[in-house]
Amino acid sequence: MLSFVAGIVNIAGVLSVKVLTTNVTGHFAYFSEELYNKHYGIAFTFLVFILSFLSGAFVSNLLVELVLRKGGQRVHAAPMLIELLILITIALLADTHPLTDFNSKVIACSLLFAMGLQNALVTKISQSVVRTTHLTGLFTDLGIELSQLFFYRKTNEFKQLATNINLKLAIIGCFFIGCIAGGFVFKYLALKTLLLAAAGLVLAFFYDNIRLGYYHLKRKVLK
């Protein structure tokens, strides 16, 4: 679900403000290019984009650590709620605020911050196994694991490898579906397309709560 959300945010950012908002790899290249061409103002903008994603990741893990140190369990709640607030705010203000150059940069920074929040959260709780806002690492891991199919023959190894491959294929597929669905919806709703991403985020949030409630109930029954 979070990969689906990132896919929507990715295409919405590109179509509305012409900025990639789910990763910062390309922004480093643009920053270096503008610096080389002595366009220091534009270079600074790309630096702010990079720092926005970094700030989101920083805030996300800070909130997670604070919850963990207080003995809390729902470490995902605060980062996801902040991300949800950002998506809904941008979607609702889109009609009342024209897309000036400044507003476009604010939207780009806000979405980058939100994706930094999400990526850091998933990376933290999965112990660096899963990322949902960009596909470079996933395709790298998938390529490695597909090649391992030729060598891992033991049943337990093959099952674990198949599980890992299926997980990555599911995440990649959901990202693609989010991009495609977001592109079609954007034609009619423009930045309000982010409400679809917000709905996906809410669904992911409550799905986790349902599972948590199920495990608590199961423990009580077993006792």
N, C-alpha and C. Protein backbone atom coordinates (compact mmCIF):
# COMPACT_ATOMS: atom_id res chain seq x y z
N MET A 1 0.82 -1.21 0.00
CA MET A 1 0.00 0.00 0.00
C MET A 1 0.86 1.26 0.00
N LEU A 2 1.92 1.27 0.76
CA LEU A 2 2.78 2.45 0.81
C LEU A 2 3.52 2.66 -0.51
N SER A 3 3.86 1.56 -1.19
CA SER A 3 4.47 1.68 -2.51
C SER A 3 3.48 2.24 -3.52
N PHE A 4 2.22 1.84 -3.40
CA PHE A 4 1.14 2.37 -4.24
C PHE A 4 1.00 3.88 -4.01
N VAL A 5 1.05 4.28 -2.75
CA VAL A 5 0.99 5.71 -2.39
C VAL A 5 2.14 6.47 -3.02
N ALA A 6 3.35 5.91 -2.91
CA ALA A 6 4.53 6.58 -3.48
C ALA A 6 4.43 6.71 -4.99
N GLY A 7 3.85 5.71 -5.64
CA GLY A 7 3.67 5.78 -7.08
C GLY A 7 2.77 6.95 -7.47
N ILE A 8 1.70 7.14 -6.73
CA ILE A 8 0.78 8.26 -6.99
C ILE A 8 1.48 9.59 -6.76
N VAL A 9 2.19 9.70 -5.65
CA VAL A 9 2.91 10.94 -5.34
C VAL A 9 3.96 11.23 -6.41
N ASN A 10 4.62 10.20 -6.89
CA ASN A 10 5.66 10.35 -7.90
C ASN A 10 5.10 10.99 -9.17
N ILE A 11 4.01 10.43 -9.70
CA ILE A 11 3.45 10.95 -10.95
C ILE A 11 2.76 12.30 -10.73
N ALA A 12 2.15 12.48 -9.58
CA ALA A 12 1.49 13.76 -9.28
C ALA A 12 2.52 14.89 -9.21
N GLY A 13 3.68 14.61 -8.62
CA GLY A 13 4.74 15.61 -8.55
C GLY A 13 5.28 15.96 -9.92
N VAL A 14 5.47 14.96 -10.76
CA VAL A 14 6.00 15.19 -12.10
C VAL A 14 5.02 15.98 -12.95
N LEU A 15 3.75 15.60 -12.93
CA LEU A 15 2.76 16.25 -13.78
C LEU A 15 2.38 17.65 -13.31
N SER A 16 2.46 17.89 -12.00
CA SER A 16 2.03 19.19 -11.48
C SER A 16 3.16 20.21 -11.41
N VAL A 17 4.28 19.83 -10.80
CA VAL A 17 5.38 20.79 -10.59
C VAL A 17 6.66 20.39 -11.30
N LYS A 18 6.58 19.31 -12.11
CA LYS A 18 7.73 18.86 -12.91
C LYS A 18 8.95 18.51 -12.06
N VAL A 19 8.70 17.92 -10.90
CA VAL A 19 9.78 17.54 -10.00
C VAL A 19 9.58 16.11 -9.54
N LEU A 20 10.66 15.32 -9.54
CA LEU A 20 10.61 13.98 -8.97
C LEU A 20 10.59 14.12 -7.45
N THR A 21 9.57 13.57 -6.81
CA THR A 21 9.39 13.82 -5.38
C THR A 21 9.51 12.57 -4.51
N THR A 22 9.92 11.45 -5.10
CA THR A 22 10.02 10.23 -4.29
C THR A 22 11.46 9.77 -4.08
N ASN A 23 12.41 10.45 -4.70
CA ASN A 23 13.83 10.14 -4.47
C ASN A 23 14.66 11.36 -4.82
N VAL A 24 15.94 11.33 -4.47
CA VAL A 24 16.79 12.51 -4.68
C VAL A 24 17.99 12.22 -5.58
N THR A 25 18.08 11.03 -6.14
CA THR A 25 19.24 10.67 -6.96
C THR A 25 19.43 11.64 -8.11
N GLY A 26 18.36 11.90 -8.87
CA GLY A 26 18.46 12.81 -10.00
C GLY A 26 18.76 14.23 -9.60
N HIS A 27 18.30 14.62 -8.43
CA HIS A 27 18.50 16.00 -7.99
C HIS A 27 19.98 16.32 -7.76
N PHE A 28 20.76 15.31 -7.39
CA PHE A 28 22.20 15.53 -7.24
C PHE A 28 22.84 15.88 -8.59
N ALA A 29 22.39 15.19 -9.64
CA ALA A 29 22.91 15.47 -10.98
C ALA A 29 22.51 16.87 -11.43
N TYR A 30 21.24 17.24 -11.20
CA TYR A 30 20.77 18.57 -11.58
C TYR A 30 21.49 19.66 -10.79
N PHE A 31 21.71 19.39 -9.50
CA PHE A 31 22.42 20.34 -8.65
C PHE A 31 23.83 20.57 -9.20
N SER A 32 24.51 19.50 -9.55
CA SER A 32 25.88 19.61 -10.08
C SER A 32 25.89 20.33 -11.42
N GLU A 33 24.90 20.03 -12.26
CA GLU A 33 24.81 20.68 -13.57
C GLU A 33 24.63 22.19 -13.44
N GLU A 34 23.70 22.59 -12.58
CA GLU A 34 23.43 24.01 -12.41
C GLU A 34 24.61 24.73 -11.76
N LEU A 35 25.29 24.02 -10.87
CA LEU A 35 26.48 24.60 -10.23
C LEU A 35 27.57 24.80 -11.27
N TYR A 36 27.72 23.83 -12.16
CA TYR A 36 28.71 23.91 -13.25
C TYR A 36 28.39 25.08 -14.18
N ASN A 37 27.09 25.29 -14.44
CA ASN A 37 26.67 26.38 -15.33
C ASN A 37 26.57 27.72 -14.62
N LYS A 38 26.93 27.74 -13.34
CA LYS A 38 26.94 28.95 -12.52
C LYS A 38 25.53 29.54 -12.32
N HIS A 39 24.54 28.65 -12.37
CA HIS A 39 23.17 29.06 -12.04
C HIS A 39 22.94 28.75 -10.56
N TYR A 40 23.50 29.56 -9.72
CA TYR A 40 23.58 29.23 -8.30
C TYR A 40 22.20 29.22 -7.62
N GLY A 41 21.31 30.07 -8.09
CA GLY A 41 19.97 30.08 -7.51
C GLY A 41 19.23 28.78 -7.77
N ILE A 42 19.31 28.28 -9.01
CA ILE A 42 18.66 27.02 -9.36
C ILE A 42 19.34 25.86 -8.64
N ALA A 43 20.66 25.92 -8.56
CA ALA A 43 21.40 24.88 -7.84
C ALA A 43 20.97 24.81 -6.38
N PHE A 44 20.78 25.98 -5.78
CA PHE A 44 20.32 26.03 -4.39
C PHE A 44 18.95 25.38 -4.24
N THR A 45 18.08 25.57 -5.22
CA THR A 45 16.75 24.96 -5.18
C THR A 45 16.86 23.44 -5.12
N PHE A 46 17.73 22.86 -5.94
CA PHE A 46 17.90 21.40 -5.92
C PHE A 46 18.52 20.93 -4.61
N LEU A 47 19.38 21.77 -4.03
CA LEU A 47 19.94 21.44 -2.73
C LEU A 47 18.84 21.41 -1.67
N VAL A 48 17.91 22.35 -1.74
CA VAL A 48 16.77 22.38 -0.81
C VAL A 48 15.90 21.14 -1.00
N PHE A 49 15.70 20.71 -2.25
CA PHE A 49 14.94 19.49 -2.51
C PHE A 49 15.59 18.30 -1.80
N ILE A 50 16.89 18.19 -1.95
CA ILE A 50 17.63 17.08 -1.32
C ILE A 50 17.50 17.12 0.20
N LEU A 51 17.65 18.32 0.75
CA LEU A 51 17.57 18.48 2.21
C LEU A 51 16.15 18.25 2.73
N SER A 52 15.15 18.49 1.90
CA SER A 52 13.77 18.24 2.31
C SER A 52 13.53 16.75 2.51
N PHE A 53 14.03 15.94 1.59
CA PHE A 53 13.91 14.49 1.72
C PHE A 53 14.69 14.01 2.95
N LEU A 54 15.90 14.54 3.12
CA LEU A 54 16.72 14.20 4.29
C LEU A 54 16.02 14.57 5.58
N SER A 55 15.41 15.74 5.62
CA SER A 55 14.70 16.19 6.82
C SER A 55 13.53 15.27 7.15
N GLY A 56 12.81 14.83 6.13
CA GLY A 56 11.72 13.89 6.35
C GLY A 56 12.19 12.60 6.97
N ALA A 57 13.30 12.08 6.45
CA ALA A 57 13.87 10.84 6.99
C ALA A 57 14.33 11.03 8.43
N PHE A 58 14.94 12.19 8.70
CA PHE A 58 15.42 12.50 10.05
C PHE A 58 14.26 12.56 11.04
N VAL A 59 13.22 13.31 10.69
CA VAL A 59 12.07 13.46 11.57
C VAL A 59 11.38 12.12 11.80
N SER A 60 11.25 11.34 10.74
CA SER A 60 10.58 10.04 10.85
C SER A 60 11.28 9.14 11.85
N ASN A 61 12.58 8.98 11.71
CA ASN A 61 13.30 8.10 12.61
C ASN A 61 13.38 8.67 14.02
N LEU A 62 13.44 9.98 14.14
CA LEU A 62 13.43 10.62 15.46
C LEU A 62 12.14 10.27 16.20
N LEU A 63 11.01 10.35 15.51
CA LEU A 63 9.72 10.03 16.12
C LEU A 63 9.64 8.54 16.48
N VAL A 64 10.16 7.69 15.59
CA VAL A 64 10.16 6.25 15.86
C VAL A 64 10.98 5.94 17.11
N GLU A 65 12.17 6.52 17.21
CA GLU A 65 13.04 6.27 18.35
C GLU A 65 12.41 6.77 19.65
N LEU A 66 11.75 7.91 19.60
CA LEU A 66 11.11 8.45 20.80
C LEU A 66 10.02 7.50 21.30
N VAL A 67 9.24 6.95 20.37
CA VAL A 67 8.19 6.01 20.75
C VAL A 67 8.79 4.73 21.31
N LEU A 68 9.83 4.23 20.67
CA LEU A 68 10.47 2.99 21.12
C LEU A 68 11.05 3.14 22.52
N ARG A 69 11.67 4.28 22.79
CA ARG A 69 12.32 4.49 24.09
C ARG A 69 11.31 4.69 25.21
N LYS A 70 10.08 5.05 24.83
CA LYS A 70 9.01 5.16 25.83
C LYS A 70 8.21 3.88 25.96
N GLY A 71 8.65 2.85 25.24
CA GLY A 71 7.99 1.55 25.33
C GLY A 71 6.74 1.43 24.48
N GLY A 72 6.54 2.35 23.57
CA GLY A 72 5.36 2.30 22.71
C GLY A 72 5.50 1.26 21.63
N GLN A 73 4.37 0.87 21.04
CA GLN A 73 4.37 -0.15 19.99
C GLN A 73 4.04 0.42 18.62
N ARG A 74 3.18 1.40 18.55
CA ARG A 74 2.73 1.91 17.26
C ARG A 74 3.70 2.98 16.76
N VAL A 75 4.90 2.54 16.43
CA VAL A 75 5.95 3.46 16.02
C VAL A 75 5.65 4.12 14.68
N HIS A 76 4.77 3.52 13.90
CA HIS A 76 4.47 4.04 12.58
C HIS A 76 3.47 5.19 12.60
N ALA A 77 2.76 5.35 13.69
CA ALA A 77 1.61 6.25 13.72
C ALA A 77 1.97 7.70 13.41
N ALA A 78 2.92 8.27 14.14
CA ALA A 78 3.23 9.70 13.98
C ALA A 78 3.75 10.04 12.58
N PRO A 79 4.75 9.31 12.04
CA PRO A 79 5.21 9.62 10.68
C PRO A 79 4.10 9.50 9.63
N MET A 80 3.27 8.48 9.76
CA MET A 80 2.19 8.29 8.78
C MET A 80 1.14 9.39 8.88
N LEU A 81 0.85 9.83 10.08
CA LEU A 81 -0.13 10.91 10.26
C LEU A 81 0.39 12.23 9.70
N ILE A 82 1.67 12.49 9.89
CA ILE A 82 2.26 13.71 9.33
C ILE A 82 2.23 13.65 7.80
N GLU A 83 2.58 12.49 7.24
CA GLU A 83 2.53 12.32 5.79
C GLU A 83 1.11 12.52 5.28
N LEU A 84 0.15 11.96 5.98
CA LEU A 84 -1.25 12.09 5.60
C LEU A 84 -1.68 13.56 5.61
N LEU A 85 -1.28 14.29 6.64
CA LEU A 85 -1.61 15.71 6.75
C LEU A 85 -1.02 16.50 5.59
N ILE A 86 0.20 16.19 5.21
CA ILE A 86 0.86 16.89 4.10
C ILE A 86 0.11 16.65 2.79
N LEU A 87 -0.22 15.40 2.51
CA LEU A 87 -0.91 15.06 1.26
C LEU A 87 -2.28 15.72 1.17
N ILE A 88 -3.03 15.67 2.26
CA ILE A 88 -4.37 16.26 2.26
C ILE A 88 -4.30 17.78 2.14
N THR A 89 -3.36 18.40 2.84
CA THR A 89 -3.22 19.85 2.79
C THR A 89 -2.91 20.34 1.38
N ILE A 90 -1.96 19.68 0.73
CA ILE A 90 -1.61 20.08 -0.65
C ILE A 90 -2.80 19.89 -1.58
N ALA A 91 -3.50 18.77 -1.43
CA ALA A 91 -4.65 18.49 -2.29
C ALA A 91 -5.75 19.52 -2.12
N LEU A 92 -6.03 19.92 -0.88
CA LEU A 92 -7.14 20.84 -0.61
C LEU A 92 -6.79 22.29 -0.94
N LEU A 93 -5.51 22.64 -0.84
CA LEU A 93 -5.10 24.02 -1.13
C LEU A 93 -4.79 24.25 -2.60
N ALA A 94 -4.79 23.18 -3.38
CA ALA A 94 -4.39 23.29 -4.79
C ALA A 94 -5.29 24.24 -5.57
N ASP A 95 -6.59 24.21 -5.29
CA ASP A 95 -7.54 25.04 -6.04
C ASP A 95 -7.51 26.50 -5.61
N THR A 96 -7.13 26.76 -4.40
CA THR A 96 -7.18 28.13 -3.88
C THR A 96 -5.86 28.87 -4.02
N HIS A 97 -4.79 28.15 -4.33
CA HIS A 97 -3.47 28.78 -4.48
C HIS A 97 -2.91 28.45 -5.86
N PRO A 98 -2.70 29.45 -6.70
CA PRO A 98 -2.19 29.20 -8.06
C PRO A 98 -0.77 28.62 -8.01
N LEU A 99 -0.44 27.86 -9.03
CA LEU A 99 0.88 27.22 -9.08
C LEU A 99 1.94 28.20 -9.58
N THR A 100 2.27 29.16 -8.74
CA THR A 100 3.39 30.06 -9.04
C THR A 100 4.69 29.29 -8.87
N ASP A 101 5.78 29.91 -9.27
CA ASP A 101 7.08 29.26 -9.15
C ASP A 101 7.38 28.94 -7.69
N PHE A 102 7.09 29.88 -6.80
CA PHE A 102 7.35 29.67 -5.38
C PHE A 102 6.48 28.56 -4.82
N ASN A 103 5.17 28.59 -5.14
CA ASN A 103 4.26 27.56 -4.65
C ASN A 103 4.64 26.18 -5.15
N SER A 104 5.10 26.11 -6.39
CA SER A 104 5.53 24.83 -6.96
C SER A 104 6.71 24.26 -6.18
N LYS A 105 7.62 25.12 -5.80
CA LYS A 105 8.79 24.67 -5.03
C LYS A 105 8.38 24.22 -3.63
N VAL A 106 7.42 24.93 -3.04
CA VAL A 106 6.92 24.54 -1.71
C VAL A 106 6.26 23.17 -1.79
N ILE A 107 5.45 22.95 -2.82
CA ILE A 107 4.78 21.66 -3.00
C ILE A 107 5.82 20.56 -3.18
N ALA A 108 6.82 20.81 -4.02
CA ALA A 108 7.87 19.82 -4.25
C ALA A 108 8.60 19.47 -2.95
N CYS A 109 8.96 20.49 -2.18
CA CYS A 109 9.65 20.26 -0.91
C CYS A 109 8.78 19.49 0.07
N SER A 110 7.50 19.82 0.10
CA SER A 110 6.57 19.15 1.01
C SER A 110 6.43 17.68 0.66
N LEU A 111 6.30 17.38 -0.64
CA LEU A 111 6.17 15.99 -1.07
C LEU A 111 7.46 15.21 -0.85
N LEU A 112 8.59 15.85 -1.07
CA LEU A 112 9.88 15.21 -0.80
C LEU A 112 10.03 14.91 0.69
N PHE A 113 9.61 15.85 1.53
CA PHE A 113 9.64 15.63 2.98
C PHE A 113 8.76 14.45 3.35
N ALA A 114 7.55 14.38 2.76
CA ALA A 114 6.62 13.30 3.05
C ALA A 114 7.19 11.95 2.63
N MET A 115 7.84 11.91 1.47
CA MET A 115 8.42 10.65 0.99
C MET A 115 9.66 10.26 1.80
N GLY A 116 10.38 11.27 2.31
CA GLY A 116 11.48 10.97 3.22
C GLY A 116 10.97 10.34 4.49
N LEU A 117 9.86 10.87 5.00
CA LEU A 117 9.19 10.29 6.17
C LEU A 117 8.86 8.82 5.93
N GLN A 118 8.19 8.57 4.80
CA GLN A 118 7.72 7.22 4.51
C GLN A 118 8.88 6.25 4.29
N ASN A 119 9.86 6.68 3.51
CA ASN A 119 10.97 5.78 3.19
C ASN A 119 11.77 5.40 4.43
N ALA A 120 12.01 6.38 5.30
CA ALA A 120 12.75 6.11 6.53
C ALA A 120 11.96 5.18 7.45
N LEU A 121 10.65 5.41 7.52
CA LEU A 121 9.81 4.58 8.39
C LEU A 121 9.85 3.12 7.96
N VAL A 122 9.63 2.87 6.66
CA VAL A 122 9.63 1.49 6.16
C VAL A 122 11.01 0.86 6.28
N THR A 123 12.04 1.64 5.99
CA THR A 123 13.41 1.14 6.12
C THR A 123 13.71 0.74 7.55
N LYS A 124 13.26 1.56 8.50
CA LYS A 124 13.52 1.29 9.92
C LYS A 124 12.80 0.04 10.39
N ILE A 125 11.50 -0.04 10.13
CA ILE A 125 10.72 -1.15 10.70
C ILE A 125 10.99 -2.47 9.97
N SER A 126 11.52 -2.40 8.74
CA SER A 126 11.85 -3.63 8.01
C SER A 126 13.33 -3.99 8.17
N GLN A 127 14.05 -3.20 8.97
CA GLN A 127 15.48 -3.40 9.19
C GLN A 127 16.25 -3.35 7.87
N SER A 128 15.93 -2.33 7.07
CA SER A 128 16.60 -2.04 5.80
C SER A 128 16.34 -3.07 4.71
N VAL A 129 15.31 -3.89 4.89
CA VAL A 129 14.97 -4.90 3.87
C VAL A 129 14.12 -4.30 2.76
N VAL A 130 13.22 -3.39 3.12
CA VAL A 130 12.24 -2.86 2.17
C VAL A 130 12.32 -1.34 2.10
N ARG A 131 12.19 -0.81 0.87
CA ARG A 131 12.01 0.62 0.64
C ARG A 131 10.84 0.77 -0.33
N THR A 132 10.08 1.84 -0.17
CA THR A 132 8.84 1.94 -0.96
C THR A 132 8.74 3.17 -1.84
N THR A 133 9.68 4.11 -1.74
CA THR A 133 9.50 5.35 -2.49
C THR A 133 10.28 5.39 -3.79
N HIS A 134 11.20 4.47 -4.00
CA HIS A 134 11.94 4.41 -5.26
C HIS A 134 12.33 2.96 -5.53
N LEU A 135 12.68 2.66 -6.77
CA LEU A 135 12.81 1.27 -7.19
C LEU A 135 14.24 0.83 -7.50
N THR A 136 15.21 1.73 -7.45
CA THR A 136 16.58 1.37 -7.82
C THR A 136 17.11 0.22 -6.98
N GLY A 137 17.02 0.36 -5.65
CA GLY A 137 17.51 -0.69 -4.76
C GLY A 137 16.72 -1.98 -4.91
N LEU A 138 15.39 -1.85 -5.12
CA LEU A 138 14.54 -3.03 -5.28
C LEU A 138 14.91 -3.82 -6.53
N PHE A 139 15.15 -3.12 -7.64
CA PHE A 139 15.54 -3.80 -8.86
C PHE A 139 16.92 -4.43 -8.72
N THR A 140 17.81 -3.78 -7.99
CA THR A 140 19.13 -4.36 -7.73
C THR A 140 19.00 -5.65 -6.94
N ASP A 141 18.25 -5.59 -5.84
CA ASP A 141 18.05 -6.79 -5.01
C ASP A 141 17.33 -7.89 -5.78
N LEU A 142 16.35 -7.49 -6.59
CA LEU A 142 15.60 -8.48 -7.37
C LEU A 142 16.51 -9.17 -8.38
N GLY A 143 17.37 -8.41 -9.03
CA GLY A 143 18.32 -9.01 -9.97
C GLY A 143 19.24 -10.00 -9.30
N ILE A 144 19.72 -9.64 -8.11
CA ILE A 144 20.60 -10.54 -7.35
C ILE A 144 19.88 -11.83 -6.99
N GLU A 145 18.66 -11.68 -6.48
CA GLU A 145 17.90 -12.85 -6.02
C GLU A 145 17.45 -13.73 -7.17
N LEU A 146 17.13 -13.14 -8.31
CA LEU A 146 16.77 -13.95 -9.47
C LEU A 146 17.95 -14.80 -9.93
N SER A 147 19.15 -14.22 -9.86
CA SER A 147 20.34 -14.99 -10.25
C SER A 147 20.61 -16.13 -9.27
N GLN A 148 20.22 -15.93 -7.99
CA GLN A 148 20.46 -16.95 -6.97
C GLN A 148 19.56 -18.18 -7.16
N LEU A 149 18.50 -18.03 -7.96
CA LEU A 149 17.64 -19.18 -8.24
C LEU A 149 18.40 -20.32 -8.93
N PHE A 150 19.49 -19.97 -9.61
CA PHE A 150 20.28 -21.00 -10.30
C PHE A 150 21.19 -21.77 -9.34
N PHE A 151 21.33 -21.27 -8.09
CA PHE A 151 22.29 -21.88 -7.18
C PHE A 151 21.66 -22.42 -5.90
N TYR A 152 20.57 -21.81 -5.45
CA TYR A 152 19.94 -22.25 -4.20
C TYR A 152 18.98 -23.40 -4.50
N ARG A 153 19.36 -24.59 -4.08
CA ARG A 153 18.57 -25.78 -4.40
C ARG A 153 17.86 -26.38 -3.19
N LYS A 154 18.36 -26.09 -1.99
CA LYS A 154 17.72 -26.64 -0.80
C LYS A 154 16.31 -26.05 -0.65
N THR A 155 15.40 -26.88 -0.16
CA THR A 155 14.00 -26.47 -0.08
C THR A 155 13.80 -25.22 0.76
N ASN A 156 14.42 -25.17 1.93
CA ASN A 156 14.23 -24.02 2.81
C ASN A 156 14.84 -22.75 2.21
N GLU A 157 15.99 -22.89 1.54
CA GLU A 157 16.62 -21.74 0.90
C GLU A 157 15.78 -21.24 -0.27
N PHE A 158 15.26 -22.18 -1.05
CA PHE A 158 14.46 -21.80 -2.22
C PHE A 158 13.16 -21.11 -1.80
N LYS A 159 12.54 -21.61 -0.74
CA LYS A 159 11.30 -20.99 -0.26
C LYS A 159 11.54 -19.57 0.22
N GLN A 160 12.64 -19.37 0.97
CA GLN A 160 12.95 -18.03 1.46
C GLN A 160 13.26 -17.08 0.31
N LEU A 161 13.99 -17.59 -0.68
CA LEU A 161 14.33 -16.80 -1.85
C LEU A 161 13.08 -16.43 -2.63
N ALA A 162 12.17 -17.39 -2.79
CA ALA A 162 10.92 -17.14 -3.51
C ALA A 162 10.07 -16.10 -2.78
N THR A 163 10.07 -16.17 -1.45
CA THR A 163 9.33 -15.19 -0.65
C THR A 163 9.88 -13.79 -0.86
N ASN A 164 11.20 -13.67 -0.85
CA ASN A 164 11.84 -12.37 -1.04
C ASN A 164 11.54 -11.81 -2.44
N ILE A 165 11.61 -12.67 -3.43
CA ILE A 165 11.34 -12.25 -4.81
C ILE A 165 9.90 -11.79 -4.96
N ASN A 166 8.97 -12.56 -4.41
CA ASN A 166 7.55 -12.21 -4.51
C ASN A 166 7.26 -10.88 -3.81
N LEU A 167 7.91 -10.65 -2.67
CA LEU A 167 7.72 -9.39 -1.95
C LEU A 167 8.17 -8.21 -2.81
N LYS A 168 9.34 -8.34 -3.42
CA LYS A 168 9.86 -7.23 -4.24
C LYS A 168 9.02 -7.02 -5.49
N LEU A 169 8.56 -8.11 -6.09
CA LEU A 169 7.69 -7.97 -7.26
C LEU A 169 6.38 -7.28 -6.89
N ALA A 170 5.86 -7.59 -5.70
CA ALA A 170 4.62 -6.96 -5.24
C ALA A 170 4.82 -5.47 -5.02
N ILE A 171 5.93 -5.08 -4.40
CA ILE A 171 6.21 -3.67 -4.14
C ILE A 171 6.39 -2.91 -5.45
N ILE A 172 7.18 -3.50 -6.37
CA ILE A 172 7.40 -2.86 -7.67
C ILE A 172 6.09 -2.74 -8.43
N GLY A 173 5.28 -3.80 -8.42
CA GLY A 173 4.00 -3.78 -9.12
C GLY A 173 3.07 -2.72 -8.57
N CYS A 174 3.03 -2.58 -7.24
CA CYS A 174 2.16 -1.58 -6.62
C CYS A 174 2.61 -0.16 -6.95
N PHE A 175 3.93 0.04 -7.04
CA PHE A 175 4.45 1.36 -7.41
C PHE A 175 4.01 1.70 -8.83
N PHE A 176 4.15 0.74 -9.74
CA PHE A 176 3.73 0.96 -11.12
C PHE A 176 2.23 1.24 -11.21
N ILE A 177 1.43 0.47 -10.48
CA ILE A 177 -0.02 0.67 -10.49
C ILE A 177 -0.37 2.06 -9.96
N GLY A 178 0.32 2.47 -8.90
CA GLY A 178 0.10 3.81 -8.35
C GLY A 178 0.42 4.89 -9.36
N CYS A 179 1.53 4.74 -10.09
CA CYS A 179 1.93 5.72 -11.11
C CYS A 179 0.89 5.79 -12.22
N ILE A 180 0.47 4.63 -12.71
CA ILE A 180 -0.49 4.59 -13.82
C ILE A 180 -1.85 5.13 -13.39
N ALA A 181 -2.34 4.66 -12.24
CA ALA A 181 -3.63 5.13 -11.74
C ALA A 181 -3.58 6.63 -11.45
N GLY A 182 -2.49 7.08 -10.84
CA GLY A 182 -2.35 8.50 -10.53
C GLY A 182 -2.33 9.35 -11.78
N GLY A 183 -1.69 8.84 -12.85
CA GLY A 183 -1.63 9.58 -14.11
C GLY A 183 -3.01 9.76 -14.72
N PHE A 184 -3.82 8.71 -14.71
CA PHE A 184 -5.17 8.80 -15.25
C PHE A 184 -6.05 9.73 -14.41
N VAL A 185 -5.94 9.61 -13.10
CA VAL A 185 -6.77 10.43 -12.22
C VAL A 185 -6.35 11.90 -12.29
N PHE A 186 -5.05 12.15 -12.46
CA PHE A 186 -4.55 13.53 -12.50
C PHE A 186 -5.19 14.33 -13.63
N LYS A 187 -5.54 13.66 -14.71
CA LYS A 187 -6.16 14.33 -15.85
C LYS A 187 -7.46 15.01 -15.44
N TYR A 188 -8.13 14.47 -14.45
CA TYR A 188 -9.43 15.00 -14.03
C TYR A 188 -9.36 15.77 -12.72
N LEU A 189 -8.45 15.38 -11.83
CA LEU A 189 -8.44 15.97 -10.49
C LEU A 189 -7.22 16.84 -10.20
N ALA A 190 -6.24 16.84 -11.11
CA ALA A 190 -5.00 17.58 -10.88
C ALA A 190 -4.38 17.19 -9.53
N LEU A 191 -4.00 18.17 -8.72
CA LEU A 191 -3.32 17.84 -7.46
C LEU A 191 -4.23 17.18 -6.43
N LYS A 192 -5.54 17.23 -6.67
CA LYS A 192 -6.44 16.50 -5.78
C LYS A 192 -6.25 14.99 -5.90
N THR A 193 -5.46 14.58 -6.89
CA THR A 193 -5.08 13.17 -7.01
C THR A 193 -4.40 12.68 -5.74
N LEU A 194 -3.79 13.60 -5.02
CA LEU A 194 -3.11 13.24 -3.77
C LEU A 194 -4.09 12.72 -2.73
N LEU A 195 -5.38 13.04 -2.90
CA LEU A 195 -6.38 12.48 -1.99
C LEU A 195 -6.48 10.97 -2.16
N LEU A 196 -6.23 10.48 -3.38
CA LEU A 196 -6.19 9.04 -3.61
C LEU A 196 -5.01 8.42 -2.87
N ALA A 197 -3.88 9.12 -2.90
CA ALA A 197 -2.72 8.65 -2.14
C ALA A 197 -3.01 8.67 -0.65
N ALA A 198 -3.70 9.71 -0.19
CA ALA A 198 -4.07 9.81 1.22
C ALA A 198 -4.99 8.66 1.62
N ALA A 199 -5.91 8.30 0.73
CA ALA A 199 -6.82 7.18 1.00
C ALA A 199 -6.03 5.88 1.13
N GLY A 200 -5.04 5.69 0.27
CA GLY A 200 -4.19 4.51 0.36
C GLY A 200 -3.42 4.47 1.67
N LEU A 201 -2.99 5.63 2.11
CA LEU A 201 -2.25 5.72 3.37
C LEU A 201 -3.15 5.38 4.55
N VAL A 202 -4.38 5.89 4.52
CA VAL A 202 -5.35 5.58 5.59
C VAL A 202 -5.63 4.09 5.63
N LEU A 203 -5.80 3.49 4.45
CA LEU A 203 -6.06 2.05 4.38
C LEU A 203 -4.89 1.26 4.97
N ALA A 204 -3.68 1.67 4.62
CA ALA A 204 -2.49 0.99 5.16
C ALA A 204 -2.42 1.14 6.67
N PHE A 205 -2.77 2.32 7.16
CA PHE A 205 -2.73 2.58 8.60
C PHE A 205 -3.72 1.70 9.35
N PHE A 206 -4.95 1.62 8.86
CA PHE A 206 -5.97 0.83 9.54
C PHE A 206 -5.76 -0.67 9.35
N TYR A 207 -5.17 -1.06 8.24
CA TYR A 207 -4.85 -2.48 8.04
C TYR A 207 -3.88 -2.95 9.11
N ASP A 208 -2.91 -2.11 9.40
CA ASP A 208 -1.94 -2.45 10.44
C ASP A 208 -2.62 -2.53 11.80
N ASN A 209 -3.55 -1.62 12.06
CA ASN A 209 -4.27 -1.64 13.34
C ASN A 209 -5.12 -2.90 13.48
N ILE A 210 -5.73 -3.31 12.38
CA ILE A 210 -6.55 -4.52 12.39
C ILE A 210 -5.68 -5.74 12.71
N ARG A 211 -4.52 -5.81 12.09
CA ARG A 211 -3.61 -6.93 12.36
C ARG A 211 -3.14 -6.92 13.80
N LEU A 212 -2.83 -5.73 14.32
CA LEU A 212 -2.38 -5.60 15.71
C LEU A 212 -3.47 -6.06 16.67
N GLY A 213 -4.71 -5.65 16.39
CA GLY A 213 -5.83 -6.08 17.22
C GLY A 213 -6.04 -7.58 17.16
N TYR A 214 -5.82 -8.17 15.98
CA TYR A 214 -5.97 -9.61 15.82
C TYR A 214 -4.94 -10.36 16.67
N TYR A 215 -3.70 -9.89 16.66
CA TYR A 215 -2.65 -10.56 17.44
C TYR A 215 -2.91 -10.44 18.94
N HIS A 216 -3.41 -9.28 19.38
CA HIS A 216 -3.74 -9.11 20.80
C HIS A 216 -4.86 -10.06 21.20
N LEU A 217 -5.86 -10.18 20.36
CA LEU A 217 -6.98 -11.09 20.63
C LEU A 217 -6.52 -12.54 20.65
N LYS A 218 -5.64 -12.87 19.75
CA LYS A 218 -5.12 -14.23 19.67
C LYS A 218 -4.36 -14.60 20.93
N ARG A 219 -3.56 -13.65 21.44
CA ARG A 219 -2.80 -13.90 22.67
C ARG A 219 -3.72 -14.11 23.85
N LYS A 220 -4.80 -13.31 23.93
CA LYS A 220 -5.76 -13.46 25.03
C LYS A 220 -6.45 -14.81 24.99
N VAL A 221 -6.80 -15.25 23.79
CA VAL A 221 -7.47 -16.53 23.63
C VAL A 221 -6.56 -17.68 24.02
N LEU A 222 -5.30 -17.58 23.61
CA LEU A 222 -4.33 -18.64 23.92
C LEU A 222 -4.03 -18.71 25.42
N LYS A 223 -4.12 -17.57 26.11
CA LYS A 223 -3.88 -17.57 27.54
C LYS A 223 -5.02 -18.25 28.28
